[in-house]
Amino acid sequence: MLSLVLGSEITDASIVAIASSYSNLELLDLSGSSNSDSGIGMICNIFPETLLKLLLALCPNITSSGIQFAAAQLPHLELMDCVMTICDPNLDISNEEGNDSNLQKTPNSKLHLIYQKLIIKHSMLKKLSLWGCFGLDALYLNCPQLVDLNINSCRNLHSEKLLLQCPNLESVHASGCQDMMVKTIQNQVCYDFSAVENHFPYKRLPDGSKRVCVTYLFSPQPCDEEKKCSRARKRHCVVIST
């Protein structure tokens, strides 16, 4: 395991030095670094068979393309932390009508897309955090092992651009998301949410957020065995929103 948190002077070139000293990393934390998508590419080339946890929070030079590449090239990845990475804290992004500009200049004078889409298909990923990624407006996940998804404060994420193909989801954190987005999440994590809603109403938590317990069905088809049905009814997905 190697953690180099808040190393603002750690760049893509630093990955070469890391590779020369460590060849079997399972956890790499570069949160707060200046790495870009190129550095992610090098990480994928160096640790494709060993890396299980990749933490890239607060890395403003990394885009959704780099995150997608990591997910595609690191088959054993179980955790990916991208807190406040797909965003630019120096930009005031709003949903006001008339704000149709999709290109802005960053402090390092490089143009980049404000709104990005993220597509991840991964068979082993269990936890994904996109907290504060307000530069994200589309999210498509096909992750059968994913149990925890955090999209808190992804305020520009559109409900019509969300697809969650994650049958084992247990927790979805959606504080700060639009109401329609929360409803879309609820509909996608449960086969028949309308029937469940009457049995599991909203519960207000101490912090003011609402928790919805959703009985989880593994598939729309009825179970053939009583035992399997019993287990399926006991599973649930918790959706926490404002």
Protein backbone atom coordinates (compact mmCIF):
# COMPACT_ATOMS: atom_id res chain seq x y z
CA MET A 1 0.00 0.00 0.00
CA LEU A 2 1.21 3.48 -0.85
CA SER A 3 -0.50 6.72 0.20
CA LEU A 4 0.76 10.08 -1.05
CA VAL A 5 -2.14 12.29 0.00
CA LEU A 6 -2.18 16.00 -0.91
CA GLY A 7 1.08 15.81 -2.82
CA SER A 8 0.37 18.70 -5.17
CA GLU A 9 3.83 18.38 -6.74
CA ILE A 10 3.28 14.71 -7.54
CA THR A 11 2.83 14.59 -11.32
CA ASP A 12 2.71 11.99 -14.06
CA ALA A 13 6.50 11.81 -13.97
CA SER A 14 6.29 10.66 -10.36
CA ILE A 15 4.52 7.48 -11.48
CA VAL A 16 7.76 6.32 -13.09
CA ALA A 17 9.58 6.68 -9.76
CA ILE A 18 6.78 4.84 -7.97
CA ALA A 19 7.00 1.99 -10.47
CA SER A 20 10.73 1.63 -9.94
CA SER A 21 10.23 1.11 -6.20
CA TYR A 22 6.94 -0.76 -6.04
CA SER A 23 5.80 -3.46 -8.41
CA ASN A 24 2.98 -5.19 -6.53
CA LEU A 25 0.84 -2.39 -5.14
CA GLU A 26 -2.69 -3.31 -4.07
CA LEU A 27 -3.65 0.17 -2.85
CA LEU A 28 -2.50 3.46 -4.34
CA ASP A 29 -3.72 6.79 -2.95
CA LEU A 30 -2.79 9.83 -5.02
CA SER A 31 -5.56 12.08 -3.68
CA GLY A 32 -4.74 15.75 -4.06
CA SER A 33 -1.98 15.19 -6.61
CA SER A 34 -1.40 16.87 -9.97
CA ASN A 35 -1.61 13.67 -11.98
CA SER A 36 -3.51 13.67 -15.26
CA ASP A 37 -5.08 11.02 -17.47
CA SER A 38 -1.60 10.20 -18.78
CA GLY A 39 -0.52 9.24 -15.27
CA ILE A 40 -3.58 7.03 -14.95
CA GLY A 41 -2.53 5.29 -18.15
CA MET A 42 0.90 4.56 -16.68
CA ILE A 43 -0.65 3.22 -13.49
CA CYS A 44 -2.76 0.83 -15.54
CA ASN A 45 0.29 -0.40 -17.43
CA ILE A 46 2.31 -0.97 -14.26
CA PHE A 47 -0.24 -2.51 -11.88
CA PRO A 48 -2.88 -4.25 -14.03
CA GLU A 49 -2.85 -7.49 -12.05
CA THR A 50 -2.35 -6.29 -8.48
CA LEU A 51 -4.17 -2.99 -7.90
CA LEU A 52 -7.36 -3.41 -5.85
CA LYS A 53 -7.95 0.13 -4.55
CA LEU A 54 -7.30 3.38 -6.41
CA LEU A 55 -7.95 6.72 -4.68
CA LEU A 56 -7.93 9.81 -6.87
CA ALA A 57 -9.88 12.35 -4.84
CA LEU A 58 -9.21 16.05 -5.44
CA CYS A 59 -7.25 15.49 -8.65
CA PRO A 60 -8.51 18.31 -10.92
CA ASN A 61 -6.37 17.28 -13.90
CA ILE A 62 -8.05 13.88 -14.19
CA THR A 63 -11.16 13.64 -16.38
CA SER A 64 -13.90 11.06 -16.75
CA SER A 65 -11.91 9.57 -19.64
CA GLY A 66 -9.04 8.72 -17.31
CA ILE A 67 -11.39 7.17 -14.78
CA GLN A 68 -13.08 5.10 -17.49
CA PHE A 69 -9.69 3.93 -18.73
CA ALA A 70 -8.67 2.86 -15.22
CA ALA A 71 -11.87 0.87 -14.81
CA ALA A 72 -11.32 -0.84 -18.15
CA GLN A 73 -7.65 -1.67 -17.61
CA LEU A 74 -7.64 -2.68 -13.93
CA PRO A 75 -9.74 -5.87 -13.84
CA HIS A 76 -9.25 -6.57 -10.12
CA LEU A 77 -10.21 -3.10 -8.90
CA GLU A 78 -12.62 -3.20 -5.96
CA LEU A 79 -12.63 0.42 -4.80
CA MET A 80 -12.32 3.70 -6.68
CA ASP A 81 -12.49 7.05 -4.92
CA CYS A 82 -12.93 10.08 -7.20
CA VAL A 83 -14.25 12.64 -4.70
CA MET A 84 -14.33 16.15 -6.24
CA THR A 85 -12.22 15.08 -9.21
CA ILE A 86 -14.64 15.55 -12.12
CA CYS A 87 -15.11 19.23 -11.37
CA ASP A 88 -13.32 22.55 -11.22
CA PRO A 89 -13.75 24.28 -7.84
CA ASN A 90 -12.78 27.62 -9.42
CA LEU A 91 -15.83 27.60 -11.67
CA ASP A 92 -19.31 28.58 -10.57
CA ILE A 93 -21.44 25.99 -12.32
CA SER A 94 -25.20 26.52 -12.14
CA ASN A 95 -28.30 25.09 -13.73
CA GLU A 96 -29.72 28.46 -14.70
CA GLU A 97 -31.39 28.69 -18.09
CA GLY A 98 -29.33 30.42 -20.68
CA ASN A 99 -26.05 29.04 -19.35
CA ASP A 100 -25.23 27.04 -22.47
CA SER A 101 -21.48 27.47 -22.35
CA ASN A 102 -19.84 24.05 -22.20
CA LEU A 103 -16.24 25.18 -22.33
CA GLN A 104 -14.39 27.15 -19.70
CA LYS A 105 -10.79 28.09 -19.13
CA THR A 106 -9.10 26.54 -16.09
CA PRO A 107 -6.39 28.28 -14.00
CA ASN A 108 -3.67 26.51 -16.01
CA SER A 109 -5.18 27.98 -19.22
CA LYS A 110 -6.31 24.60 -20.56
CA LEU A 111 -9.79 24.27 -22.03
CA HIS A 112 -11.88 21.35 -20.90
CA LEU A 113 -15.49 20.25 -20.93
CA ILE A 114 -17.40 21.25 -17.82
CA TYR A 115 -19.98 18.54 -18.22
CA GLN A 116 -18.65 15.04 -18.71
CA LYS A 117 -20.13 11.57 -18.92
CA LEU A 118 -18.82 8.53 -17.12
CA ILE A 119 -19.32 4.97 -18.36
CA ILE A 120 -18.00 2.12 -16.25
CA LYS A 121 -18.41 -1.58 -16.89
CA HIS A 122 -16.56 -3.64 -14.30
CA SER A 123 -17.10 -7.12 -12.91
CA MET A 124 -15.26 -6.68 -9.58
CA LEU A 125 -15.83 -3.06 -8.48
CA LYS A 126 -17.58 -2.90 -5.09
CA LYS A 127 -17.35 0.75 -4.00
CA LEU A 128 -17.39 3.88 -6.13
CA SER A 129 -17.37 7.42 -4.79
CA LEU A 130 -18.12 10.38 -7.06
CA TRP A 131 -18.94 12.76 -4.21
CA GLY A 132 -18.79 16.37 -5.34
CA CYS A 133 -18.25 15.57 -9.02
CA PHE A 134 -20.54 18.37 -10.17
CA GLY A 135 -18.90 18.37 -13.60
CA LEU A 136 -20.67 15.08 -14.30
CA ASP A 137 -23.98 15.11 -16.16
CA ALA A 138 -24.25 11.49 -17.33
CA LEU A 139 -23.51 8.23 -15.50
CA TYR A 140 -23.80 4.69 -16.83
CA LEU A 141 -22.73 1.83 -14.55
CA ASN A 142 -22.71 -1.88 -15.31
CA CYS A 143 -21.10 -3.27 -12.16
CA PRO A 144 -22.68 -6.49 -10.86
CA GLN A 145 -20.61 -6.49 -7.64
CA LEU A 146 -21.09 -2.83 -6.74
CA VAL A 147 -22.57 -2.47 -3.23
CA ASP A 148 -21.91 1.20 -2.40
CA LEU A 149 -22.30 4.22 -4.68
CA ASN A 150 -21.78 7.81 -3.55
CA ILE A 151 -23.00 10.58 -5.83
CA ASN A 152 -23.54 13.22 -3.14
CA SER A 153 -23.52 16.77 -4.54
CA CYS A 154 -23.52 15.60 -8.17
CA ARG A 155 -26.03 18.38 -8.73
CA ASN A 156 -25.68 18.52 -12.52
CA LEU A 157 -26.32 14.82 -13.05
CA HIS A 158 -29.43 14.37 -15.22
CA SER A 159 -31.99 11.68 -14.43
CA GLU A 160 -32.43 10.82 -18.10
CA LYS A 161 -28.69 10.20 -18.36
CA LEU A 162 -28.47 7.75 -15.47
CA LEU A 163 -28.35 3.97 -15.84
CA LEU A 164 -27.52 1.70 -12.90
CA GLN A 165 -27.11 -1.95 -13.85
CA CYS A 166 -25.88 -2.96 -10.43
CA PRO A 167 -28.02 -5.79 -8.98
CA ASN A 168 -26.13 -5.99 -5.66
CA LEU A 169 -26.33 -2.31 -4.66
CA GLU A 170 -26.90 -1.89 -0.93
CA SER A 171 -26.31 1.85 -0.46
CA VAL A 172 -26.71 4.85 -2.74
CA HIS A 173 -25.77 8.25 -1.31
CA ALA A 174 -27.49 11.02 -3.28
CA SER A 175 -27.59 14.08 -0.99
CA GLY A 176 -27.61 17.28 -2.99
CA CYS A 177 -28.97 15.64 -6.14
CA GLN A 178 -32.14 16.76 -7.88
CA ASP A 179 -35.43 15.22 -6.70
CA MET A 180 -36.04 13.64 -10.10
CA MET A 181 -32.61 12.05 -9.91
CA VAL A 182 -33.44 10.48 -6.55
CA LYS A 183 -36.68 9.07 -7.94
CA THR A 184 -34.84 7.64 -10.92
CA ILE A 185 -32.34 5.96 -8.61
CA GLN A 186 -35.14 4.46 -6.55
CA ASN A 187 -36.83 3.11 -9.66
CA GLN A 188 -33.63 1.59 -10.99
CA VAL A 189 -32.48 -0.14 -7.81
CA CYS A 190 -35.79 -1.91 -7.29
CA TYR A 191 -37.93 -3.87 -9.72
CA ASP A 192 -41.21 -2.66 -8.22
CA PHE A 193 -40.49 0.42 -6.16
CA SER A 194 -44.09 1.63 -6.15
CA ALA A 195 -45.18 -1.50 -4.28
CA VAL A 196 -42.36 -1.22 -1.78
CA GLU A 197 -42.81 2.48 -1.08
CA ASN A 198 -45.92 1.86 1.02
CA HIS A 199 -44.05 -0.51 3.31
CA PHE A 200 -40.83 1.50 3.62
CA PRO A 201 -41.68 5.23 3.84
CA TYR A 202 -39.19 8.05 4.09
CA LYS A 203 -37.40 8.39 7.42
CA ARG A 204 -35.79 11.68 8.39
CA LEU A 205 -32.25 11.32 9.76
CA PRO A 206 -30.64 13.63 12.36
CA ASP A 207 -28.68 15.45 9.63
CA GLY A 208 -31.88 16.25 7.75
CA SER A 209 -31.42 13.72 4.97
CA LYS A 210 -34.02 11.11 4.08
CA ARG A 211 -33.37 7.40 4.07
CA VAL A 212 -35.47 5.06 1.96
CA CYS A 213 -35.23 1.32 2.54
CA VAL A 214 -36.06 -0.56 -0.64
CA THR A 215 -36.66 -4.30 -0.67
CA TYR A 216 -34.39 -5.62 -3.37
CA LEU A 217 -35.38 -8.20 -5.97
CA PHE A 218 -32.52 -9.88 -7.82
CA SER A 219 -34.51 -10.20 -11.07
CA PRO A 220 -38.02 -9.59 -12.43
CA GLN A 221 -38.57 -13.33 -12.84
CA PRO A 222 -40.16 -15.16 -9.88
CA CYS A 223 -37.90 -17.42 -7.81
CA ASP A 224 -38.21 -21.13 -8.31
CA GLU A 225 -37.03 -22.04 -4.83
CA GLU A 226 -38.63 -20.82 -1.60
CA LYS A 227 -35.24 -20.41 0.05
CA LYS A 228 -33.90 -18.16 -2.69
CA CYS A 229 -37.03 -16.01 -2.55
CA SER A 230 -36.64 -15.59 1.20
CA ARG A 231 -33.05 -14.41 0.82
CA ALA A 232 -34.03 -12.01 -1.96
CA ARG A 233 -36.76 -10.41 0.16
CA LYS A 234 -34.29 -9.78 2.97
CA ARG A 235 -31.92 -7.81 0.73
CA HIS A 236 -32.48 -4.09 0.51
CA CYS A 237 -30.93 -0.97 -0.95
CA VAL A 238 -30.71 2.19 1.14
CA VAL A 239 -31.06 5.45 -0.78
CA ILE A 240 -30.01 8.51 1.25
CA SER A 241 -30.94 11.93 -0.14
CA THR A 242 -31.80 15.45 0.88
